Structures are given as C-alpha cells and as structure tokens.
Amino acid sequence: MTLYFLVTLVSSGVLVYLIERSRNEGFRSIEDGLWWALVTLTTIGYGDRYPITTLGRLVAGVVVLFGMGMVGVATAKIASILVERRMKEGRGLSETHDLRGHFVIMGWKPDMHLLVKEVLAAHSGVDAEHLVLINSAGEEANAVLRGEFEGLRYLHGELTDPLVLQRANITRAARVFVLADATGGRSDQEIDARTVMALMNIENLAPGVYTYAEVLDRQYVDYLRLAHCDEIILSREYGRFMLVSASASAGISQALLELMDISDGGGLTSAAIPSEFVGRTFGDLAAHVRAESGRLLIGLLENTGQPLTIKRKALREAQKTANVGVLVENLRRVKQLTANRPVLNPGDDYVVAAQARALVLPRAKPATSENKR
C-alpha cells in the first residue's frame, strides 16, 4: 500500500503540474504539484491550490476517489489489527516479548482470584502488567481476572509445552511459580508429574530464573530437586501440619496463621542484612534490628538466592587457594551447600555469613478496643 501511495502521489502531482502550470498560478513548480497531491490524497484538502482546467479537474477527481478508498482501506487494516490483537489476548494467544523481570504463574486453582490478589499485595515490586498467567482454564475463566487486574497477561497453553514458555519470554522472567494444576480432572500423580516436566523445561530454557513449585506428594520432591527447583511447597503437608499442631497445642493454629499472614506488613518475612554486620554475631544483629525498627530477629536464611548462581560463586571462592588440602575441603563444602537454609534461633555468638537474610517479625500493632475486652 505504501508503494501505491507513493506512485500515485508522484505521478498525480507531476501530471497536474504539467497540465496546470501554463494557466494556474498555484502550480509554479513540481513541489506545488506534489503538495497538492499529498493534501488531496489524504483528504485534507486545504484549498490553497486546485486545478482550473477540465483535464486537471478530471485528474483531481480520480485522485480524490483514490484517496478516499485508500484511507478507508488503511483504517480498516488498522482496525483489523487492533481487533485481532484483542482477540489473541482474550484467547491467550498473544506474545510477551516486551516484558522484562516479570512474574510467571503456571497452572490454575479454583481460588485463582485470591491467589493473584495476594501475590500482587505481597510483592511490592510486581504490578499486574508484569504478571503472566499460563494455564488451560480457558478464555472465560481468565477474562474475569483480566477484567479486575488491568494489564494482566494470559497465555493459553499446557504446562508441559516449551513453546508456551517461549511465548512467555521465560528467559527474561524474574520468577516462575508452577502450581499444582487443577484443570483436566487429573490424579495427584499426574498433576505432580506435569509439574516436574514443567520445571525441567524451565531449567532447559532459563536455568537462571528463580523457580517455585507446588507439589502434592512428597515422593516428587527429589525429582523437583533434580530439575533444580529453587523452592518446593508441599501445600497439603503444610495443611496437615496446621491440623496436627492445632490438636497438640490449643491456639497454636492461630499463631501459625499470624506468622504466615504477610498482609498489612505483618507475618514472618526476610530482610536484607546491612553489610557491616556480615561476619559479626547474631546477637549484634538482633540488637540492631530491634533498636532500628522494633522488629524481632528470630533467625537467618543462609545462602539466599538462585542456587545455581550461589554454587558458582562459592566454587569460584573455593578455588582461590594454592593449598590442595584446603581446596578439597572447600569443594566438599560447596557440594554440601544448601540454598535458602533456615537457621532458627541460633546462639548470640553465631556468626552472620555473607549471602544471608534476616528472618524477622514486625512489632505487634497496638491492641484495639475490641481485643482489649
């Protein structure tokens, strides 16, 4: 279409100039003819130049009709592109190559609405425009979420399909959460097997992306570790632990719920440790945290971050010695290194290591009149 426009613009401009130049003061140069052709083809028609000869007016009529048709075709093309794009987004067939550092959630749960809402609330650095859902629940189910969370991306596809991961721009993602997918009426074993396959595909395509996986049966934990899953959530075991704890000690379930509820700034969270406290004692850090923010330091989360990155860094550090005995010992430690290892309530003389984060509880909010009674 662009070529047709240019050909028509030049040919009609030059032709009208040649016809009108001897009798029309408005066409003194080829530039005048090209200007007239441009405003006529685009239906602007300023009226500053116009043909006065019969032949010139015939050519102008053809140009006007051609311009009207061309504008209609262009408008229809643009509308078609926009409609097609909207339909692709609704059906989960769009691309996300423009995203960087986004959060991908794979799979579907009956309470997906609450999950998305709480994920966005828990991650201050993640908005709906940087959240991508991958599932096969269908257009209607995801339309409800996309209607409430403006900018949310939805991609239709199976968890085990590497192509849908590529459409999600997985190599540029910051985190991927693979849920125990509730669609399809599958057995627990099938659900967990698909989760493992999804993690293997992610590991092949984007080994540096931080991954979480929900699993129903503990027997699949080892497979997920082989797929280098960074965090494994045994959701049913957590629920069972809550029930057993409640039966063993009255009121403990409420306390556990408070620890897990991170809404409104509450609950157990991890925080960065100031660099000047690395190598110092846990007691020093606890006193600093209490004095600075009133929070309670209950432990440390050691070797935090993406396990592959942590081990590579530790391996480089371990090799910085000429002593073979020390080197062997360092390599043994690297092999035994456990990422995101919690150390709860250590002694005050426990040394704070590099790559650790503080496990803290916020100060309790003042009691309301309701709970004072």
Foldseek 3Di string as FASTA:
>chain_A
DVVVLVVLLLVQLQVLLVVACVPFPQRVDSVSSSVQLVCLLCVNCPVPDAGDDPVSVVSSVVSNVNSVVVVVVVVVVVVVVVVVQVVCQLFQNAADVVDAAAEEEEADDPVVLVVVVVVCQVDVVYAQLRYEYEEQPGNVVVVVVCVVRPNHGYHYDALLDLVSCVRHVLQRYQEYEYEQHPPDPDDLVVSLVSQLNSLLSSCVVHVQHAYEYEHADPVCVVSNVVSQHQYYHNPVVVVVVLVVVCVVDPPVSVVVVQQPDCGPNFHKDWAAQPPVQAFAFPLVSQVVCCVPAVKGFFWKFAQEDRLVVSLVVQLVVLPPDPDPVSSVVSVVCSVVDDHRDIDGRDDRRHGHHPRMITTIGHDDDDDDPVVVD
